[in-house]
Amino acid sequence: MAERLDKHILKNGMVILGEPMESVGSAAFDFMLPAGAAMLPEGCCGAGNIIVDWMFRGAGSRNSRQLGDALDGLGLNRDSSVNSSHLGIGAVLEAGNLADAIELYADVILKPHLKEDQFELARQLAIEEVLALDDEPRQKVMAKVREQFYPHPLGRSTEGKVDELKALTAEETKQIVEKYFNLSQTIFSVAGKYDFDAICRQMERLFETGPQKPLKPIRHGSKGNRYSHIHNESAQVHIGLMTETVRPADEDYYNARIAVSILSGGMSSRLFTEVREKRGLCYAVGARYHNLKEAAGIACYAGTTPEKAQETLDLIIAEFIRLSKGIKEEELQRAKVGLKSALILQSESSSSRAGSIAGDYYILGRVRSLDEIKNKIDETTVGSVLSFLRKNRFKDFTVVTIGPKQLTVR
C-alpha cells in the first residue's frame, strides 16, 4: 500500500501530523496535550478526568448548550482520554466538516470558560467514575497493578482518587489547564480525507504563538509493592500481574509482541489452553503488551475462584517462564497472523491511525508506516523470539489481587 506522512511544525514547536486515507470519506483528529496523570502535581490525581469534561462546558463565544449544539451539528463522534503523559481530545467526522470542528476545538483548548458552577458538575462525574470501579473489579485490579509496577508517578491512576478529587478546587484545576496546556509540547494528528496545506494554514492562524517554556520532565520515584491485596468478600478472585519487557524503541520490540501473542493471542494461546481449557482454573485469562515512553511491561489478568486462585497465579507465572524453553513454528505463524490482522483493521480506521501516528511520534520521535510494521512482524522467527526471551527472562512479577484472601507470590 502507498503510504505518506504529512508533517509540519509551528514556530512555537507544536507538531502537526497527517496520514491521508483517500479511500475513506471521514477524517479523524486528535490533540495530545501534555497534561497526563503523571505530569500533574501531587494531590491532583484525577484532575485530567475533570478537565476533559469541564473544558467542553462552554468556550469562546458559546455557552455549554451552544457549544454542544455546534459540535453535534457537525455530526462528529467525540473522544477524550487521559493517560500517563497526555490528555487527549479529538473526534471523527465527515471530512467536509473538519475545518469547522478544528475551529471549535481551538476555542475549547484556548478559550474554555471553566466556570465554577460547571466545575462541580464535572468533578461529580469524575468521582462517580472512580466509585464505579468497585463494580468493575477487572478494570480496578489492572489499574492498581500498573500503579504498583511503574515507577511513581508513571503508573498514577488516570481515574484518580476520591479524596483528592473532593479536595481539588476550581481555581487549582484552572491553573493546571493554564500551565499544562503547553502548545510547544502539543501534538495534533489527523488521518483520513483532508487538505494538509489548508490544515497547516488554519493551525498557524489558531495556534501559532511565541515559544513557551517547556514543562519540567517527570522525576521518577520508586516502584510500588511487589504484591498488594484488596480485600473483598466475594465468590471471585481477580488477579492482575505485570512483568518488565522491552520498550517500542528496542530492536527486540517485535519479538516481544510475538511472545505476548503466543502467550495470549486467542483460543490456541498458551495461557488460554493451559490455565483455562486443560485445568479449568479460571473463567477469564489474558495478557497484553503495555507501554509508556519510559517503560514497558506485559500485563496479565485472570478471574477465578478463591479455591483455585493460588494455583491459577502459580501456573500463569510458570507459563511466562516456560515460554523461553521453546515455541513451535505453528505458534509463531498464528501470532503473526493475529498481529497482522489487527494491523489491517487499524489501517481501515481513520481514528485508529490518527491516534497511532501521534503516539508513535511522541514515543519514537518518528512515525512507523503500516508496511514497516508488517515487514518487522514477518521478519521474526522462532530463533529470534527465543533469543529475545532468553536475554530478557520474565521475572520480578508485580501482582495485585482482589478477593477474600491473600495469595503468595513465589
Protein backbone atom coordinates (compact mmCIF):
# COMPACT_ATOMS: atom_id res chain seq x y z
CA MET A 1 0.00 0.00 0.00
CA ALA A 2 1.17 3.52 -0.75
CA GLU A 3 1.63 5.47 2.45
CA ARG A 4 2.52 9.07 3.10
CA LEU A 5 3.10 11.04 6.26
CA ASP A 6 2.45 14.77 6.30
CA LYS A 7 4.33 16.79 8.90
CA HIS A 8 4.60 20.44 9.83
CA ILE A 9 5.94 22.11 12.97
CA LEU A 10 4.68 25.51 14.06
CA LYS A 11 7.15 28.16 15.18
CA ASN A 12 6.17 27.53 18.79
CA GLY A 13 7.06 23.84 18.46
CA MET A 14 3.55 22.39 18.12
CA VAL A 15 3.70 19.34 15.83
CA ILE A 16 1.11 18.78 13.07
CA LEU A 17 0.95 15.26 11.64
CA GLY A 18 -1.27 13.77 8.95
CA GLU A 19 -1.79 10.45 7.22
CA PRO A 20 -4.05 10.61 4.14
CA MET A 21 -6.55 7.79 3.51
CA GLU A 22 -8.09 8.55 0.13
CA SER A 23 -10.47 5.58 0.25
CA VAL A 24 -12.48 6.99 3.17
CA GLY A 25 -14.87 9.90 3.41
CA SER A 26 -14.13 10.58 7.06
CA ALA A 27 -11.43 12.42 8.92
CA ALA A 28 -10.28 11.90 12.48
CA PHE A 29 -8.18 14.27 14.54
CA ASP A 30 -6.59 14.24 17.95
CA PHE A 31 -4.96 16.88 20.14
CA MET A 32 -2.40 15.41 22.56
CA LEU A 33 -1.86 17.94 25.35
CA PRO A 34 0.95 17.37 27.89
CA ALA A 35 -1.41 17.15 30.87
CA GLY A 36 -1.37 13.42 31.58
CA ALA A 37 -1.75 11.94 35.05
CA ALA A 38 2.00 11.61 35.66
CA MET A 39 2.65 15.22 34.68
CA LEU A 40 0.40 16.81 37.29
CA PRO A 41 1.35 17.92 40.82
CA GLU A 42 0.94 15.60 43.79
CA GLY A 43 -2.56 15.68 45.20
CA CYS A 44 -4.15 16.31 41.81
CA CYS A 45 -4.77 12.69 40.88
CA GLY A 46 -7.80 12.54 38.58
CA ALA A 47 -7.76 16.23 37.64
CA GLY A 48 -7.46 15.25 33.97
CA ASN A 49 -10.82 13.48 34.10
CA ILE A 50 -12.43 16.63 35.44
CA ILE A 51 -10.76 18.78 32.80
CA VAL A 52 -11.80 16.73 29.74
CA ASP A 53 -15.41 17.30 30.75
CA TRP A 54 -15.14 20.83 32.18
CA MET A 55 -13.41 22.33 29.14
CA PHE A 56 -16.38 21.42 26.91
CA ARG A 57 -18.86 23.22 29.19
CA GLY A 58 -18.61 26.49 27.30
CA ALA A 59 -15.79 28.01 25.24
CA GLY A 60 -15.19 31.10 23.14
CA SER A 61 -18.47 32.89 22.40
CA ARG A 62 -20.61 29.81 23.19
CA ASN A 63 -22.04 28.64 26.49
CA SER A 64 -22.25 24.96 27.34
CA ARG A 65 -25.50 24.34 25.46
CA GLN A 66 -24.43 26.33 22.41
CA LEU A 67 -21.08 24.56 22.22
CA GLY A 68 -22.74 21.16 22.49
CA ASP A 69 -25.21 22.08 19.76
CA ALA A 70 -22.39 23.30 17.50
CA LEU A 71 -20.41 20.10 17.96
CA ASP A 72 -23.48 17.91 17.43
CA GLY A 73 -24.36 19.95 14.35
CA LEU A 74 -21.12 18.83 12.73
CA GLY A 75 -22.07 15.18 13.24
CA LEU A 76 -18.83 14.33 15.00
CA ASN A 77 -18.19 11.47 17.40
CA ARG A 78 -16.16 12.97 20.23
CA ASP A 79 -13.42 11.13 22.02
CA SER A 80 -11.33 12.06 25.04
CA SER A 81 -8.75 10.24 27.10
CA VAL A 82 -6.22 10.70 29.86
CA ASN A 83 -3.09 8.58 30.04
CA SER A 84 0.19 8.85 31.89
CA SER A 85 1.69 11.53 29.64
CA HIS A 86 -1.17 13.26 27.83
CA LEU A 87 -4.72 14.47 27.92
CA GLY A 88 -6.24 13.77 24.54
CA ILE A 89 -9.32 15.25 22.87
CA GLY A 90 -10.45 14.58 19.34
CA ALA A 91 -13.22 13.33 17.10
CA VAL A 92 -14.08 11.53 13.89
CA LEU A 93 -16.48 13.13 11.41
CA GLU A 94 -17.38 13.65 7.77
CA ALA A 95 -14.31 15.14 6.13
CA GLY A 96 -16.11 18.21 4.82
CA ASN A 97 -16.72 19.42 8.40
CA LEU A 98 -13.11 19.09 9.57
CA ALA A 99 -12.18 22.78 9.38
CA ASP A 100 -15.26 23.83 11.37
CA ALA A 101 -14.50 21.21 14.01
CA ILE A 102 -10.92 22.43 14.40
CA GLU A 103 -12.22 25.97 14.95
CA LEU A 104 -14.46 24.76 17.78
CA TYR A 105 -11.69 22.70 19.38
CA ALA A 106 -9.37 25.70 19.23
CA ASP A 107 -11.89 27.58 21.41
CA VAL A 108 -12.11 24.59 23.78
CA ILE A 109 -8.31 24.49 24.21
CA LEU A 110 -7.51 28.21 24.15
CA LYS A 111 -10.70 29.86 25.44
CA PRO A 112 -12.55 27.48 27.77
CA HIS A 113 -14.93 29.25 30.15
CA LEU A 114 -14.07 26.97 33.12
CA LYS A 115 -16.86 28.35 35.27
CA GLU A 116 -17.03 27.26 38.90
CA ASP A 117 -20.65 26.03 38.79
CA GLN A 118 -19.77 23.80 35.82
CA PHE A 119 -16.67 22.57 37.66
CA GLU A 120 -18.83 20.99 40.36
CA LEU A 121 -20.76 19.01 37.76
CA ALA A 122 -17.57 17.81 36.03
CA ARG A 123 -15.98 16.85 39.36
CA GLN A 124 -19.01 14.81 40.43
CA LEU A 125 -18.87 12.83 37.19
CA ALA A 126 -15.17 12.12 37.79
CA ILE A 127 -15.90 10.93 41.35
CA GLU A 128 -18.69 8.67 40.11
CA GLU A 129 -16.28 7.16 37.58
CA VAL A 130 -13.86 6.24 40.39
CA LEU A 131 -16.66 4.78 42.52
CA ALA A 132 -17.88 2.75 39.54
CA LEU A 133 -14.60 0.83 39.58
CA ASP A 134 -15.95 -1.12 42.56
CA ASP A 135 -18.40 -2.67 40.10
CA GLU A 136 -15.61 -3.29 37.56
CA PRO A 137 -13.02 -5.31 39.51
CA ARG A 138 -11.16 -6.35 36.37
CA GLN A 139 -10.53 -2.73 35.43
CA LYS A 140 -9.75 -1.86 39.05
CA VAL A 141 -7.16 -4.60 39.57
CA MET A 142 -5.36 -3.75 36.31
CA ALA A 143 -5.25 -0.04 37.18
CA LYS A 144 -3.80 -0.92 40.58
CA VAL A 145 -1.15 -3.26 39.14
CA ARG A 146 0.01 -0.57 36.70
CA GLU A 147 0.25 1.85 39.62
CA GLN A 148 2.47 -0.59 41.51
CA PHE A 149 4.52 -1.74 38.52
CA TYR A 150 5.67 1.57 37.04
CA PRO A 151 7.96 3.93 38.98
CA HIS A 152 5.95 6.71 40.62
CA PRO A 153 4.32 8.79 39.20
CA LEU A 154 4.27 6.97 35.83
CA GLY A 155 1.67 4.47 36.97
CA ARG A 156 -0.56 7.02 38.67
CA SER A 157 -4.26 6.27 38.27
CA THR A 158 -5.86 8.28 35.47
CA GLU A 159 -9.26 7.97 37.16
CA GLY A 160 -7.89 9.49 40.33
CA LYS A 161 -8.74 9.07 43.99
CA VAL A 162 -11.97 10.21 45.59
CA ASP A 163 -10.33 12.14 48.43
CA GLU A 164 -8.05 14.07 46.05
CA LEU A 165 -10.90 14.81 43.66
CA LYS A 166 -13.01 16.15 46.53
CA ALA A 167 -10.13 18.34 47.71
CA LEU A 168 -9.50 19.92 44.29
CA THR A 169 -10.82 23.42 43.80
CA ALA A 170 -11.93 25.08 40.59
CA GLU A 171 -9.07 27.57 40.87
CA GLU A 172 -6.42 24.86 41.30
CA THR A 173 -7.79 22.93 38.34
CA LYS A 174 -7.94 26.06 36.20
CA GLN A 175 -4.26 26.68 36.97
CA ILE A 176 -3.47 23.15 35.75
CA VAL A 177 -5.15 23.96 32.43
CA GLU A 178 -3.24 27.23 32.11
CA LYS A 179 0.11 25.61 32.88
CA TYR A 180 -0.10 22.21 31.23
CA PHE A 181 -1.93 23.07 28.02
CA ASN A 182 1.50 23.88 26.63
CA LEU A 183 1.27 24.27 22.85
CA SER A 184 5.03 23.87 22.42
CA GLN A 185 4.66 20.26 23.62
CA THR A 186 1.33 19.51 21.95
CA ILE A 187 0.88 17.09 19.06
CA PHE A 188 -2.03 17.40 16.62
CA SER A 189 -2.70 14.47 14.31
CA VAL A 190 -5.22 13.92 11.55
CA ALA A 191 -5.98 10.89 9.39
CA GLY A 192 -8.43 10.25 6.60
CA LYS A 193 -9.50 12.67 3.89
CA TYR A 194 -8.08 16.17 4.35
CA ASP A 195 -6.17 19.04 2.74
CA PHE A 196 -2.91 19.28 4.70
CA ASP A 197 -1.90 22.68 3.38
CA ALA A 198 -5.27 24.10 4.41
CA ILE A 199 -4.97 22.49 7.84
CA CYS A 200 -1.49 23.96 8.36
CA ARG A 201 -2.70 27.45 7.45
CA GLN A 202 -5.61 27.09 9.83
CA MET A 203 -3.44 25.74 12.66
CA GLU A 204 -0.94 28.57 12.19
CA ARG A 205 -3.76 31.11 12.45
CA LEU A 206 -5.30 29.49 15.50
CA PHE A 207 -2.37 28.12 17.48
CA GLU A 208 0.79 29.98 16.44
CA THR A 209 2.29 31.70 19.48
CA GLY A 210 5.72 32.54 20.74
CA PRO A 211 7.76 29.66 22.16
CA GLN A 212 6.55 28.50 25.57
CA LYS A 213 8.76 27.43 28.44
CA PRO A 214 8.93 23.63 28.43
CA LEU A 215 7.38 21.73 31.29
CA LYS A 216 9.72 20.11 33.76
CA PRO A 217 10.48 16.45 32.98
CA ILE A 218 8.92 13.83 35.21
CA ARG A 219 11.10 12.79 38.14
CA HIS A 220 10.84 9.05 38.56
CA GLY A 221 10.47 7.62 42.03
CA SER A 222 10.42 4.00 43.14
CA LYS A 223 8.08 1.18 42.20
CA GLY A 224 5.26 0.10 44.48
CA ASN A 225 4.88 -3.14 46.39
CA ARG A 226 5.67 -6.40 44.67
CA TYR A 227 2.36 -7.76 45.97
CA SER A 228 -0.77 -5.89 47.05
CA HIS A 229 -4.12 -7.30 48.10
CA ILE A 230 -7.50 -5.55 48.15
CA HIS A 231 -9.87 -7.38 50.47
CA ASN A 232 -13.33 -8.13 49.10
CA GLU A 233 -15.67 -10.81 50.44
CA SER A 234 -16.83 -12.22 47.14
CA ALA A 235 -17.01 -15.54 45.34
CA GLN A 236 -14.43 -14.33 42.81
CA VAL A 237 -10.74 -13.51 42.85
CA HIS A 238 -9.29 -11.03 40.37
CA ILE A 239 -5.57 -11.31 39.64
CA GLY A 240 -3.53 -8.60 37.95
CA LEU A 241 0.10 -9.25 37.07
CA MET A 242 2.85 -7.35 35.27
CA THR A 243 6.46 -8.08 34.40
CA GLU A 244 9.04 -5.92 32.67
CA THR A 245 9.84 -6.15 28.96
CA VAL A 246 11.43 -4.05 26.21
CA ARG A 247 10.09 -0.68 25.05
CA PRO A 248 8.88 0.07 21.48
CA ALA A 249 12.21 1.68 20.53
CA ASP A 250 14.12 -1.52 21.36
CA GLU A 251 15.31 -3.72 18.48
CA ASP A 252 13.52 -6.68 20.13
CA TYR A 253 10.14 -4.93 20.28
CA TYR A 254 8.52 -7.11 17.62
CA ASN A 255 9.91 -10.28 19.16
CA ALA A 256 8.30 -9.17 22.42
CA ARG A 257 4.96 -8.58 20.69
CA ILE A 258 5.11 -12.05 19.13
CA ALA A 259 5.92 -13.59 22.51
CA VAL A 260 2.90 -11.90 24.09
CA SER A 261 0.69 -13.10 21.24
CA ILE A 262 1.88 -16.68 21.74
CA LEU A 263 1.05 -16.36 25.43
CA SER A 264 -2.35 -14.80 24.86
CA GLY A 265 -3.35 -14.32 21.24
CA GLY A 266 -6.53 -16.36 21.08
CA MET A 267 -8.08 -19.70 21.95
CA SER A 268 -4.90 -21.57 20.93
CA SER A 269 -2.63 -19.43 23.09
CA ARG A 270 -0.59 -20.83 25.98
CA LEU A 271 -2.50 -19.16 28.81
CA PHE A 272 -5.95 -19.94 27.46
CA THR A 273 -5.04 -23.56 26.73
CA GLU A 274 -3.03 -24.40 29.84
CA VAL A 275 -4.78 -22.36 32.52
CA ARG A 276 -8.40 -22.37 31.39
CA GLU A 277 -9.02 -25.24 28.99
CA LYS A 278 -6.83 -28.05 30.35
CA ARG A 279 -7.22 -27.33 34.06
CA GLY A 280 -10.37 -25.25 34.28
CA LEU A 281 -8.75 -22.90 36.78
CA CYS A 282 -10.33 -19.63 35.67
CA TYR A 283 -13.18 -18.20 33.65
CA ALA A 284 -11.04 -15.50 32.03
CA VAL A 285 -7.32 -15.11 31.36
CA GLY A 286 -5.33 -12.93 29.01
CA ALA A 287 -2.16 -10.90 28.62
CA ARG A 288 -1.17 -7.90 26.54
CA TYR A 289 1.77 -5.63 25.89
CA HIS A 290 1.56 -2.30 27.73
CA ASN A 291 3.97 0.57 27.38
CA LEU A 292 4.72 4.15 28.27
CA LYS A 293 7.52 6.18 26.71
CA GLU A 294 9.76 5.46 29.68
CA ALA A 295 8.99 1.79 30.41
CA ALA A 296 7.04 -1.25 29.24
CA GLY A 297 5.59 -4.43 30.63
CA ILE A 298 3.40 -7.41 29.89
CA ALA A 299 0.12 -7.13 31.78
CA CYS A 300 -1.97 -10.21 32.57
CA TYR A 301 -5.43 -10.64 34.07
CA ALA A 302 -7.16 -13.73 35.42
CA GLY A 303 -10.57 -14.14 37.02
CA THR A 304 -11.08 -17.22 39.16
CA THR A 305 -12.48 -18.55 42.46
CA PRO A 306 -10.89 -18.38 45.93
CA GLU A 307 -10.24 -22.13 45.90
CA LYS A 308 -8.35 -22.02 42.60
CA ALA A 309 -6.68 -18.62 42.91
CA GLN A 310 -3.26 -19.69 44.19
CA GLU A 311 -2.92 -22.45 41.61
CA THR A 312 -4.02 -20.04 38.88
CA LEU A 313 -1.38 -17.48 39.84
CA ASP A 314 1.35 -20.12 40.11
CA LEU A 315 0.52 -21.61 36.72
CA ILE A 316 0.38 -18.21 34.97
CA ILE A 317 3.86 -17.34 36.23
CA ALA A 318 5.07 -20.82 35.25
CA GLU A 319 3.75 -20.33 31.70
CA PHE A 320 5.52 -16.98 31.40
CA ILE A 321 8.78 -18.64 32.44
CA ARG A 322 8.22 -21.78 30.31
CA LEU A 323 7.88 -19.75 27.13
CA SER A 324 11.67 -19.41 26.82
CA LYS A 325 12.02 -23.23 26.85
CA GLY A 326 10.72 -23.43 23.32
CA ILE A 327 8.00 -22.38 20.90
CA LYS A 328 6.62 -24.10 17.82
CA GLU A 329 6.57 -22.80 14.27
CA GLU A 330 2.77 -23.02 14.16
CA GLU A 331 2.55 -20.89 17.30
CA LEU A 332 4.75 -18.28 15.65
CA GLN A 333 2.65 -18.26 12.49
CA ARG A 334 -0.62 -17.89 14.44
CA ALA A 335 0.88 -14.99 16.36
CA LYS A 336 1.97 -13.28 13.13
CA VAL A 337 -1.48 -13.70 11.57
CA GLY A 338 -3.14 -12.25 14.66
CA LEU A 339 -0.89 -9.20 14.81
CA LYS A 340 -1.22 -8.51 11.09
CA SER A 341 -5.00 -8.90 11.23
CA ALA A 342 -5.12 -6.25 13.94
CA LEU A 343 -2.89 -4.07 11.76
CA ILE A 344 -5.26 -4.41 8.80
CA LEU A 345 -8.25 -3.42 10.94
CA GLN A 346 -6.31 -0.41 12.22
CA SER A 347 -5.39 0.63 8.68
CA GLU A 348 -9.10 0.91 7.81
CA SER A 349 -9.94 3.23 10.72
CA SER A 350 -9.11 6.92 10.47
CA SER A 351 -9.48 7.37 14.25
CA SER A 352 -7.06 4.50 14.95
CA ARG A 353 -4.49 5.94 12.57
CA ALA A 354 -4.77 9.45 14.00
CA GLY A 355 -4.05 8.08 17.46
CA SER A 356 -1.27 5.78 16.28
CA ILE A 357 0.75 8.37 14.39
CA ALA A 358 0.62 10.79 17.33
CA GLY A 359 1.61 8.05 19.77
CA ASP A 360 4.48 6.91 17.56
CA TYR A 361 5.81 10.44 17.21
CA TYR A 362 5.73 11.03 20.95
CA ILE A 363 7.36 7.71 21.89
CA LEU A 364 9.73 7.16 18.96
CA GLY A 365 10.24 10.64 17.54
CA ARG A 366 9.02 9.34 14.18
CA VAL A 367 6.01 7.56 12.68
CA ARG A 368 6.17 3.94 11.57
CA SER A 369 4.38 3.09 8.35
CA LEU A 370 2.00 0.15 8.29
CA ASP A 371 4.29 -1.55 5.77
CA GLU A 372 7.25 -1.17 8.12
CA ILE A 373 5.31 -2.77 10.97
CA LYS A 374 4.13 -5.63 8.76
CA ASN A 375 7.66 -6.30 7.49
CA LYS A 376 9.07 -6.29 11.01
CA ILE A 377 6.45 -8.82 12.09
CA ASP A 378 7.27 -11.01 9.08
CA GLU A 379 10.99 -10.88 9.91
CA THR A 380 10.55 -12.54 13.29
CA THR A 381 11.49 -16.20 13.57
CA VAL A 382 11.35 -18.90 16.20
CA GLY A 383 15.03 -18.27 16.78
CA SER A 384 14.71 -14.51 17.15
CA VAL A 385 11.82 -14.80 19.61
CA LEU A 386 13.61 -17.41 21.72
CA SER A 387 16.78 -15.31 21.69
CA PHE A 388 14.77 -12.36 22.98
CA LEU A 389 13.11 -14.46 25.69
CA ARG A 390 16.42 -15.84 26.92
CA LYS A 391 18.04 -12.40 27.04
CA ASN A 392 15.01 -10.85 28.73
CA ARG A 393 13.71 -13.52 31.09
CA PHE A 394 10.41 -12.85 32.79
CA LYS A 395 10.98 -12.25 36.49
CA ASP A 396 10.15 -9.87 39.34
CA PHE A 397 6.41 -10.11 38.82
CA THR A 398 4.24 -7.37 40.30
CA VAL A 399 0.92 -8.82 41.46
CA VAL A 400 -2.34 -7.32 42.75
CA THR A 401 -5.34 -9.38 43.84
CA ILE A 402 -8.92 -8.55 44.78
CA GLY A 403 -10.72 -11.19 46.78
CA PRO A 404 -11.40 -12.72 50.21
CA LYS A 405 -7.84 -13.83 50.99
CA GLN A 406 -4.26 -13.03 50.11
CA LEU A 407 -2.13 -15.18 47.81
CA THR A 408 1.57 -15.97 47.84
CA VAL A 409 3.85 -14.71 45.06
CA ARG A 410 6.57 -17.35 44.82
